[in-house]
Each structure stands twice: as C-alpha cells, then as structure tokens.
Amino acid sequence: MDESEFDAFYRASFAKLVGQIHAMCGNRAEAQDAVQEAFVRAWDHRRKLDVDLGPEAWVRTTAYRLAVSNWRKLRRGRREPDRALETRPATEPSADLLIINAALAKLPEPQRRAIVLHHLCDMSVDDVARETGAPTGTVKARLSRGREALARILHSEKEYRHA
C-alpha cells in the first residue's frame, strides 16, 4: 500500500473504526486513542498491508488490543479515569446509540466483541472467528447468548424508562 492508498484508507475507515472500538470498549476517548495508535502502527507496516486482504481488520484488531491493554493498566492501578480529561466527541451520539452501548457494556467481553464484529462491522461468523481466534461454534454460541442477554437488558431498560 503506497502513501496515497494509505491516506484514502485512513479517511474512509477512521470514524467507522472508532465507532466499532467504542462499542467494544465503552469509552469513546479510549477508542479514538486506540484507533489512532493502531493507524500509526499500520503506517509503519503500510508496505506489507494489502488492500485486498482487509487492512481494516488488522487496524481494528490492533486497536482493540490496545484498548484492552490500556483498560488493564487502569484496572491494575485501581485508578478511576479522570472524566475532566476526556474530550467530548465532535457530535453527540444519539440516545439510542448511548442505550445500546450501555447495554453492550454489560455483556461479557467475548459476547460483546462477537456481537459488535458480526452486527456492527457486518462480518460473517467465519470472519469473526478468524479475527478473534475462536472456533466458529464458539462464535455462534457467543452471538446467541449475547443477543439473548442484550434483549433482556434492553427490555429491562425499556420497562424502567416507561415506569
């Protein structure tokens, strides 16, 4: 991938990847930082990245791993993130998106990741299995259990809001 192809790839993918990683990790500022760092790393590997082999998956996986690593560091230090330092997104997400992201955050991480990759990233079960390193049957089980749990969470939220 040459520089102009990389620039086009960055422009076309950055916002979408931030939204996907945000749905996986639950923190928009963290997602932006992770995706930005993943693109820096992709730049270093741009000559090896092949447009036909899905460089977006490489960046998404790298960003996800960076976000998880940062989350572990924060948890290890038992420090709460300083909300005053978080930047506000340029556009506020819709109320529905906030509700869905909050519900996704309540799911176990493997189920949340499978649901985001399959439904938000529009990946097939086989593609999710390849990206996560899990067997296809495990991905199907995570999707099934995750959707059931998500439905219960969203149903309780709906009842709570209408009560």
N, C-alpha and C. Protein backbone atom coordinates (compact mmCIF):
# COMPACT_ATOMS: atom_id res chain seq x y z
N MET A 1 0.86 -1.17 0.00
CA MET A 1 0.00 0.00 0.00
C MET A 1 0.90 1.23 0.00
N ASP A 2 0.70 2.10 -0.97
CA ASP A 2 1.52 3.31 -1.02
C ASP A 2 0.88 4.41 -0.15
N GLU A 3 1.53 5.56 -0.08
CA GLU A 3 1.08 6.64 0.80
C GLU A 3 -0.31 7.15 0.45
N SER A 4 -0.61 7.32 -0.82
CA SER A 4 -1.93 7.84 -1.20
C SER A 4 -3.02 6.81 -0.89
N GLU A 5 -2.73 5.53 -1.11
CA GLU A 5 -3.71 4.49 -0.76
C GLU A 5 -3.93 4.46 0.75
N PHE A 6 -2.85 4.62 1.52
CA PHE A 6 -2.97 4.63 2.98
C PHE A 6 -3.81 5.82 3.43
N ASP A 7 -3.54 6.98 2.86
CA ASP A 7 -4.32 8.18 3.22
C ASP A 7 -5.81 7.98 2.94
N ALA A 8 -6.12 7.41 1.79
CA ALA A 8 -7.53 7.14 1.44
C ALA A 8 -8.12 6.13 2.40
N PHE A 9 -7.36 5.10 2.73
CA PHE A 9 -7.81 4.08 3.69
C PHE A 9 -8.10 4.72 5.05
N TYR A 10 -7.21 5.58 5.51
CA TYR A 10 -7.38 6.26 6.79
C TYR A 10 -8.66 7.10 6.79
N ARG A 11 -8.82 7.93 5.76
CA ARG A 11 -10.01 8.80 5.68
C ARG A 11 -11.29 7.97 5.64
N ALA A 12 -11.28 6.87 4.93
CA ALA A 12 -12.50 6.06 4.78
C ALA A 12 -12.81 5.22 6.00
N SER A 13 -11.82 4.92 6.82
CA SER A 13 -12.01 3.94 7.89
C SER A 13 -11.97 4.49 9.31
N PHE A 14 -11.32 5.63 9.53
CA PHE A 14 -11.08 6.08 10.91
C PHE A 14 -12.36 6.20 11.73
N ALA A 15 -13.33 6.96 11.27
CA ALA A 15 -14.55 7.19 12.05
C ALA A 15 -15.31 5.89 12.30
N LYS A 16 -15.39 5.06 11.28
CA LYS A 16 -16.10 3.78 11.43
C LYS A 16 -15.40 2.90 12.48
N LEU A 17 -14.07 2.84 12.43
CA LEU A 17 -13.32 2.02 13.39
C LEU A 17 -13.45 2.57 14.81
N VAL A 18 -13.46 3.88 14.95
CA VAL A 18 -13.65 4.48 16.29
C VAL A 18 -15.00 4.05 16.85
N GLY A 19 -16.04 4.10 16.01
CA GLY A 19 -17.37 3.67 16.45
C GLY A 19 -17.40 2.21 16.86
N GLN A 20 -16.71 1.37 16.12
CA GLN A 20 -16.68 -0.06 16.43
C GLN A 20 -15.91 -0.33 17.72
N ILE A 21 -14.75 0.29 17.89
CA ILE A 21 -13.95 0.08 19.10
C ILE A 21 -14.66 0.70 20.30
N HIS A 22 -15.34 1.83 20.09
CA HIS A 22 -16.12 2.43 21.18
C HIS A 22 -17.18 1.46 21.67
N ALA A 23 -17.86 0.80 20.73
CA ALA A 23 -18.88 -0.18 21.11
C ALA A 23 -18.26 -1.35 21.86
N MET A 24 -17.03 -1.70 21.53
CA MET A 24 -16.36 -2.82 22.21
C MET A 24 -15.84 -2.45 23.58
N CYS A 25 -15.28 -1.23 23.72
CA CYS A 25 -14.62 -0.90 25.00
C CYS A 25 -15.45 0.04 25.86
N GLY A 26 -16.44 0.73 25.29
CA GLY A 26 -17.34 1.55 26.09
C GLY A 26 -16.86 2.96 26.39
N ASN A 27 -15.71 3.37 25.86
CA ASN A 27 -15.19 4.70 26.14
C ASN A 27 -14.74 5.32 24.83
N ARG A 28 -15.40 6.38 24.42
CA ARG A 28 -15.12 6.97 23.11
C ARG A 28 -13.70 7.54 23.02
N ALA A 29 -13.25 8.23 24.06
CA ALA A 29 -11.91 8.81 24.04
C ALA A 29 -10.85 7.70 23.95
N GLU A 30 -11.07 6.63 24.70
CA GLU A 30 -10.16 5.48 24.65
C GLU A 30 -10.17 4.85 23.26
N ALA A 31 -11.34 4.76 22.67
CA ALA A 31 -11.45 4.19 21.31
C ALA A 31 -10.71 5.06 20.30
N GLN A 32 -10.87 6.37 20.40
CA GLN A 32 -10.16 7.28 19.48
C GLN A 32 -8.65 7.12 19.62
N ASP A 33 -8.18 7.07 20.86
CA ASP A 33 -6.74 6.92 21.09
C ASP A 33 -6.23 5.58 20.54
N ALA A 34 -6.98 4.52 20.79
CA ALA A 34 -6.55 3.19 20.34
C ALA A 34 -6.52 3.10 18.82
N VAL A 35 -7.54 3.64 18.17
CA VAL A 35 -7.58 3.60 16.70
C VAL A 35 -6.47 4.46 16.12
N GLN A 36 -6.24 5.62 16.72
CA GLN A 36 -5.16 6.47 16.22
C GLN A 36 -3.81 5.76 16.34
N GLU A 37 -3.56 5.14 17.49
CA GLU A 37 -2.30 4.41 17.68
C GLU A 37 -2.21 3.23 16.71
N ALA A 38 -3.32 2.55 16.47
CA ALA A 38 -3.32 1.43 15.52
C ALA A 38 -2.97 1.92 14.11
N PHE A 39 -3.47 3.08 13.73
CA PHE A 39 -3.13 3.63 12.42
C PHE A 39 -1.66 4.03 12.34
N VAL A 40 -1.10 4.52 13.45
CA VAL A 40 0.34 4.83 13.47
C VAL A 40 1.13 3.56 13.21
N ARG A 41 0.73 2.49 13.86
CA ARG A 41 1.41 1.20 13.65
C ARG A 41 1.18 0.68 12.24
N ALA A 42 -0.01 0.88 11.72
CA ALA A 42 -0.30 0.45 10.35
C ALA A 42 0.57 1.22 9.36
N TRP A 43 0.80 2.50 9.64
CA TRP A 43 1.65 3.30 8.77
C TRP A 43 3.05 2.67 8.67
N ASP A 44 3.56 2.21 9.81
CA ASP A 44 4.87 1.56 9.82
C ASP A 44 4.89 0.27 9.00
N HIS A 45 3.71 -0.36 8.86
CA HIS A 45 3.59 -1.63 8.13
C HIS A 45 2.90 -1.45 6.78
N ARG A 46 2.72 -0.21 6.32
CA ARG A 46 1.89 0.05 5.14
C ARG A 46 2.34 -0.70 3.90
N ARG A 47 3.62 -0.95 3.76
CA ARG A 47 4.10 -1.65 2.56
C ARG A 47 3.69 -3.12 2.59
N LYS A 48 3.43 -3.65 3.79
CA LYS A 48 3.01 -5.05 3.93
C LYS A 48 1.49 -5.20 3.88
N LEU A 49 0.78 -4.11 4.16
CA LEU A 49 -0.68 -4.16 4.17
C LEU A 49 -1.19 -4.24 2.73
N ASP A 50 -2.05 -5.18 2.49
CA ASP A 50 -2.61 -5.37 1.15
C ASP A 50 -4.08 -4.97 1.20
N VAL A 51 -4.47 -4.08 0.33
CA VAL A 51 -5.85 -3.60 0.29
C VAL A 51 -6.82 -4.77 0.14
N ASP A 52 -6.45 -5.77 -0.64
CA ASP A 52 -7.33 -6.91 -0.89
C ASP A 52 -7.45 -7.85 0.31
N LEU A 53 -6.50 -7.79 1.25
CA LEU A 53 -6.52 -8.69 2.39
C LEU A 53 -7.15 -8.07 3.63
N GLY A 54 -7.78 -6.94 3.50
CA GLY A 54 -8.52 -6.34 4.61
C GLY A 54 -7.66 -5.66 5.66
N PRO A 55 -7.01 -4.56 5.31
CA PRO A 55 -6.21 -3.85 6.32
C PRO A 55 -7.06 -3.30 7.46
N GLU A 56 -8.35 -3.12 7.21
CA GLU A 56 -9.23 -2.62 8.26
C GLU A 56 -9.30 -3.61 9.43
N ALA A 57 -9.33 -4.89 9.12
CA ALA A 57 -9.35 -5.91 10.18
C ALA A 57 -8.06 -5.86 11.01
N TRP A 58 -6.94 -5.62 10.34
CA TRP A 58 -5.66 -5.52 11.05
C TRP A 58 -5.69 -4.33 12.00
N VAL A 59 -6.16 -3.19 11.51
CA VAL A 59 -6.22 -1.98 12.35
C VAL A 59 -7.22 -2.18 13.49
N ARG A 60 -8.40 -2.77 13.19
CA ARG A 60 -9.41 -2.99 14.22
C ARG A 60 -8.87 -3.91 15.32
N THR A 61 -8.22 -4.99 14.94
CA THR A 61 -7.67 -5.93 15.92
C THR A 61 -6.59 -5.25 16.76
N THR A 62 -5.73 -4.50 16.11
CA THR A 62 -4.67 -3.79 16.83
C THR A 62 -5.27 -2.77 17.80
N ALA A 63 -6.25 -2.01 17.34
CA ALA A 63 -6.89 -1.00 18.19
C ALA A 63 -7.60 -1.67 19.37
N TYR A 64 -8.27 -2.78 19.13
CA TYR A 64 -8.95 -3.49 20.20
C TYR A 64 -7.94 -3.95 21.25
N ARG A 65 -6.84 -4.52 20.80
CA ARG A 65 -5.81 -4.99 21.73
C ARG A 65 -5.22 -3.84 22.53
N LEU A 66 -5.01 -2.71 21.87
CA LEU A 66 -4.50 -1.53 22.58
C LEU A 66 -5.50 -1.05 23.63
N ALA A 67 -6.77 -1.03 23.28
CA ALA A 67 -7.81 -0.60 24.23
C ALA A 67 -7.86 -1.53 25.43
N VAL A 68 -7.80 -2.83 25.18
CA VAL A 68 -7.81 -3.81 26.28
C VAL A 68 -6.58 -3.64 27.15
N SER A 69 -5.44 -3.45 26.53
CA SER A 69 -4.20 -3.26 27.28
C SER A 69 -4.28 -2.01 28.17
N ASN A 70 -4.81 -0.93 27.62
CA ASN A 70 -4.97 0.30 28.41
C ASN A 70 -5.95 0.09 29.55
N TRP A 71 -7.03 -0.63 29.29
CA TRP A 71 -8.02 -0.90 30.33
C TRP A 71 -7.39 -1.70 31.46
N ARG A 72 -6.57 -2.68 31.10
CA ARG A 72 -5.91 -3.50 32.13
C ARG A 72 -4.95 -2.66 32.97
N LYS A 73 -4.24 -1.75 32.32
CA LYS A 73 -3.32 -0.88 33.07
C LYS A 73 -4.09 -0.02 34.06
N LEU A 74 -5.21 0.53 33.62
CA LEU A 74 -6.02 1.35 34.52
C LEU A 74 -6.56 0.53 35.68
N ARG A 75 -7.04 -0.65 35.35
CA ARG A 75 -7.60 -1.50 36.40
C ARG A 75 -6.53 -1.92 37.39
N ARG A 76 -5.35 -2.26 36.87
CA ARG A 76 -4.26 -2.68 37.73
C ARG A 76 -3.90 -1.58 38.71
N GLY A 77 -3.91 -0.36 38.23
CA GLY A 77 -3.59 0.77 39.09
C GLY A 77 -4.75 1.19 39.98
N ARG A 78 -5.91 0.60 39.74
CA ARG A 78 -7.13 0.90 40.50
C ARG A 78 -7.43 2.39 40.54
N ARG A 79 -7.12 3.04 39.43
CA ARG A 79 -7.41 4.46 39.32
C ARG A 79 -8.62 4.64 38.43
N GLU A 80 -9.50 5.48 38.86
CA GLU A 80 -10.64 5.83 38.02
C GLU A 80 -10.16 6.81 36.96
N PRO A 81 -10.65 6.69 35.73
CA PRO A 81 -10.24 7.67 34.72
C PRO A 81 -10.74 9.06 35.09
N ASP A 82 -9.94 10.04 34.81
CA ASP A 82 -10.29 11.42 35.11
C ASP A 82 -11.23 11.93 34.03
N ARG A 83 -12.49 12.03 34.35
CA ARG A 83 -13.51 12.44 33.36
C ARG A 83 -13.26 13.85 32.86
N ALA A 84 -12.58 14.67 33.66
CA ALA A 84 -12.31 16.03 33.23
C ALA A 84 -11.34 16.07 32.05
N LEU A 85 -10.55 15.01 31.90
CA LEU A 85 -9.57 14.98 30.82
C LEU A 85 -10.12 14.38 29.53
N GLU A 86 -11.28 13.74 29.60
CA GLU A 86 -11.87 13.14 28.40
C GLU A 86 -12.37 14.25 27.48
N THR A 87 -12.14 14.06 26.20
CA THR A 87 -12.64 15.04 25.23
C THR A 87 -14.04 14.64 24.79
N ARG A 88 -14.83 15.61 24.55
CA ARG A 88 -16.18 15.37 24.06
C ARG A 88 -16.12 15.11 22.56
N PRO A 89 -16.92 14.16 22.08
CA PRO A 89 -16.94 13.94 20.64
C PRO A 89 -17.47 15.17 19.91
N ALA A 90 -17.05 15.34 18.68
CA ALA A 90 -17.49 16.49 17.89
C ALA A 90 -19.00 16.50 17.74
N THR A 91 -19.59 15.33 17.55
CA THR A 91 -21.04 15.24 17.50
C THR A 91 -21.49 14.27 18.59
N GLU A 92 -22.51 14.65 19.28
CA GLU A 92 -23.02 13.80 20.36
C GLU A 92 -23.72 12.59 19.77
N PRO A 93 -23.45 11.38 20.31
CA PRO A 93 -24.14 10.20 19.80
C PRO A 93 -25.63 10.28 20.14
N SER A 94 -26.43 9.59 19.35
CA SER A 94 -27.87 9.58 19.57
C SER A 94 -28.20 8.86 20.88
N ALA A 95 -29.39 9.12 21.39
CA ALA A 95 -29.83 8.47 22.63
C ALA A 95 -29.88 6.96 22.45
N ASP A 96 -30.33 6.49 21.29
CA ASP A 96 -30.38 5.05 21.03
C ASP A 96 -29.00 4.43 21.07
N LEU A 97 -28.01 5.11 20.47
CA LEU A 97 -26.64 4.60 20.48
C LEU A 97 -26.09 4.52 21.90
N LEU A 98 -26.38 5.52 22.69
CA LEU A 98 -25.94 5.51 24.09
C LEU A 98 -26.56 4.35 24.85
N ILE A 99 -27.84 4.10 24.62
CA ILE A 99 -28.53 3.00 25.29
C ILE A 99 -27.94 1.66 24.85
N ILE A 100 -27.72 1.51 23.56
CA ILE A 100 -27.15 0.25 23.04
C ILE A 100 -25.74 0.04 23.56
N ASN A 101 -24.91 1.09 23.55
CA ASN A 101 -23.54 0.95 24.05
C ASN A 101 -23.52 0.63 25.54
N ALA A 102 -24.43 1.24 26.30
CA ALA A 102 -24.51 0.93 27.73
C ALA A 102 -24.93 -0.53 27.94
N ALA A 103 -25.86 -1.00 27.12
CA ALA A 103 -26.29 -2.40 27.23
C ALA A 103 -25.15 -3.33 26.81
N LEU A 104 -24.44 -2.99 25.74
CA LEU A 104 -23.31 -3.81 25.30
C LEU A 104 -22.24 -3.89 26.39
N ALA A 105 -22.03 -2.81 27.12
CA ALA A 105 -21.02 -2.78 28.18
C ALA A 105 -21.33 -3.75 29.30
N LYS A 106 -22.59 -4.14 29.44
CA LYS A 106 -22.99 -5.08 30.49
C LYS A 106 -22.75 -6.54 30.10
N LEU A 107 -22.46 -6.78 28.83
CA LEU A 107 -22.22 -8.15 28.37
C LEU A 107 -20.79 -8.56 28.67
N PRO A 108 -20.55 -9.86 28.83
CA PRO A 108 -19.16 -10.33 28.95
C PRO A 108 -18.39 -9.94 27.68
N GLU A 109 -17.13 -9.62 27.83
CA GLU A 109 -16.32 -9.12 26.73
C GLU A 109 -16.35 -10.01 25.49
N PRO A 110 -16.23 -11.34 25.59
CA PRO A 110 -16.25 -12.15 24.36
C PRO A 110 -17.58 -12.05 23.61
N GLN A 111 -18.70 -11.99 24.33
CA GLN A 111 -20.00 -11.85 23.68
C GLN A 111 -20.12 -10.47 23.04
N ARG A 112 -19.70 -9.43 23.75
CA ARG A 112 -19.78 -8.06 23.24
C ARG A 112 -18.95 -7.94 21.96
N ARG A 113 -17.75 -8.48 21.98
CA ARG A 113 -16.88 -8.38 20.81
C ARG A 113 -17.49 -9.12 19.62
N ALA A 114 -18.02 -10.31 19.84
CA ALA A 114 -18.63 -11.08 18.75
C ALA A 114 -19.82 -10.31 18.17
N ILE A 115 -20.66 -9.74 19.02
CA ILE A 115 -21.84 -9.01 18.54
C ILE A 115 -21.42 -7.77 17.75
N VAL A 116 -20.46 -7.02 18.24
CA VAL A 116 -20.02 -5.82 17.54
C VAL A 116 -19.43 -6.19 16.18
N LEU A 117 -18.55 -7.19 16.15
CA LEU A 117 -17.93 -7.57 14.88
C LEU A 117 -18.97 -8.09 13.89
N HIS A 118 -19.90 -8.91 14.37
CA HIS A 118 -20.88 -9.51 13.46
C HIS A 118 -21.94 -8.51 13.01
N HIS A 119 -22.50 -7.77 13.95
CA HIS A 119 -23.64 -6.90 13.62
C HIS A 119 -23.23 -5.48 13.23
N LEU A 120 -22.26 -4.90 13.91
CA LEU A 120 -21.88 -3.52 13.59
C LEU A 120 -20.82 -3.46 12.50
N CYS A 121 -19.93 -4.44 12.48
CA CYS A 121 -18.89 -4.46 11.44
C CYS A 121 -19.32 -5.27 10.23
N ASP A 122 -20.49 -5.89 10.32
CA ASP A 122 -21.07 -6.67 9.22
C ASP A 122 -20.13 -7.79 8.76
N MET A 123 -19.54 -8.48 9.74
CA MET A 123 -18.63 -9.58 9.43
C MET A 123 -19.38 -10.90 9.54
N SER A 124 -19.00 -11.87 8.72
CA SER A 124 -19.61 -13.20 8.81
C SER A 124 -19.10 -13.89 10.07
N VAL A 125 -19.78 -14.96 10.45
CA VAL A 125 -19.36 -15.73 11.62
C VAL A 125 -17.94 -16.26 11.41
N ASP A 126 -17.64 -16.73 10.21
CA ASP A 126 -16.29 -17.23 9.92
C ASP A 126 -15.25 -16.13 10.05
N ASP A 127 -15.59 -14.92 9.58
CA ASP A 127 -14.66 -13.79 9.70
C ASP A 127 -14.44 -13.41 11.17
N VAL A 128 -15.50 -13.43 11.95
CA VAL A 128 -15.38 -13.13 13.38
C VAL A 128 -14.49 -14.17 14.04
N ALA A 129 -14.68 -15.42 13.68
CA ALA A 129 -13.86 -16.50 14.25
C ALA A 129 -12.39 -16.28 13.92
N ARG A 130 -12.10 -15.93 12.68
CA ARG A 130 -10.70 -15.68 12.29
C ARG A 130 -10.11 -14.51 13.06
N GLU A 131 -10.89 -13.43 13.16
CA GLU A 131 -10.35 -12.23 13.82
C GLU A 131 -10.16 -12.43 15.33
N THR A 132 -11.04 -13.19 15.95
CA THR A 132 -10.94 -13.38 17.40
C THR A 132 -10.11 -14.60 17.79
N GLY A 133 -9.86 -15.48 16.82
CA GLY A 133 -9.11 -16.70 17.13
C GLY A 133 -9.94 -17.75 17.84
N ALA A 134 -11.26 -17.62 17.79
CA ALA A 134 -12.16 -18.58 18.43
C ALA A 134 -12.75 -19.51 17.38
N PRO A 135 -13.08 -20.74 17.75
CA PRO A 135 -13.74 -21.63 16.80
C PRO A 135 -15.11 -21.07 16.38
N THR A 136 -15.55 -21.45 15.19
CA THR A 136 -16.82 -20.97 14.65
C THR A 136 -17.98 -21.29 15.59
N GLY A 137 -18.00 -22.48 16.14
CA GLY A 137 -19.07 -22.86 17.07
C GLY A 137 -19.10 -21.98 18.31
N THR A 138 -17.94 -21.61 18.79
CA THR A 138 -17.85 -20.72 19.96
C THR A 138 -18.41 -19.35 19.61
N VAL A 139 -18.07 -18.85 18.42
CA VAL A 139 -18.59 -17.54 17.99
C VAL A 139 -20.11 -17.60 17.90
N LYS A 140 -20.65 -18.68 17.33
CA LYS A 140 -22.11 -18.81 17.23
C LYS A 140 -22.75 -18.82 18.61
N ALA A 141 -22.13 -19.53 19.56
CA ALA A 141 -22.67 -19.58 20.92
C ALA A 141 -22.60 -18.20 21.58
N ARG A 142 -21.49 -17.50 21.37
CA ARG A 142 -21.36 -16.15 21.94
C ARG A 142 -22.39 -15.21 21.36
N LEU A 143 -22.63 -15.32 20.07
CA LEU A 143 -23.64 -14.47 19.43
C LEU A 143 -25.03 -14.78 19.98
N SER A 144 -25.35 -16.05 20.08
CA SER A 144 -26.68 -16.44 20.57
C SER A 144 -26.89 -15.99 22.01
N ARG A 145 -25.94 -16.30 22.87
CA ARG A 145 -26.06 -15.92 24.28
C ARG A 145 -26.01 -14.40 24.45
N GLY A 146 -25.17 -13.75 23.66
CA GLY A 146 -25.06 -12.30 23.74
C GLY A 146 -26.33 -11.60 23.31
N ARG A 147 -26.96 -12.09 22.22
CA ARG A 147 -28.22 -11.48 21.77
C ARG A 147 -29.32 -11.67 22.79
N GLU A 148 -29.38 -12.87 23.40
CA GLU A 148 -30.40 -13.11 24.43
C GLU A 148 -30.19 -12.17 25.62
N ALA A 149 -28.95 -12.06 26.07
CA ALA A 149 -28.65 -11.18 27.21
C ALA A 149 -28.94 -9.72 26.85
N LEU A 150 -28.56 -9.33 25.64
CA LEU A 150 -28.80 -7.96 25.19
C LEU A 150 -30.30 -7.66 25.13
N ALA A 151 -31.08 -8.60 24.66
CA ALA A 151 -32.53 -8.42 24.61
C ALA A 151 -33.10 -8.23 26.01
N ARG A 152 -32.63 -9.04 26.97
CA ARG A 152 -33.11 -8.91 28.36
C ARG A 152 -32.73 -7.54 28.94
N ILE A 153 -31.49 -7.12 28.69
CA ILE A 153 -31.02 -5.84 29.22
C ILE A 153 -31.83 -4.69 28.62
N LEU A 154 -32.00 -4.71 27.31
CA LEU A 154 -32.74 -3.63 26.64
C LEU A 154 -34.21 -3.64 27.05
N HIS A 155 -34.78 -4.81 27.25
CA HIS A 155 -36.17 -4.90 27.69
C HIS A 155 -36.33 -4.29 29.08
N SER A 156 -35.39 -4.62 30.01
CA SER A 156 -35.48 -4.04 31.35
C SER A 156 -35.28 -2.54 31.33
N GLU A 157 -34.38 -2.05 30.46
CA GLU A 157 -34.18 -0.60 30.32
C GLU A 157 -35.46 0.07 29.83
N LYS A 158 -36.13 -0.58 28.86
CA LYS A 158 -37.36 -0.02 28.31
C LYS A 158 -38.43 0.06 29.40
N GLU A 159 -38.57 -1.03 30.19
CA GLU A 159 -39.56 -1.02 31.27
C GLU A 159 -39.23 0.04 32.30
N TYR A 160 -37.94 0.20 32.61
CA TYR A 160 -37.51 1.18 33.60
C TYR A 160 -37.84 2.59 33.12
N ARG A 161 -37.59 2.89 31.84
CA ARG A 161 -37.84 4.21 31.31
C ARG A 161 -39.33 4.55 31.24
N HIS A 162 -40.16 3.52 31.05
CA HIS A 162 -41.60 3.76 30.92
C HIS A 162 -42.32 3.64 32.26
N ALA A 163 -41.61 3.33 33.32
CA ALA A 163 -42.26 3.19 34.62
C ALA A 163 -42.43 4.52 35.31
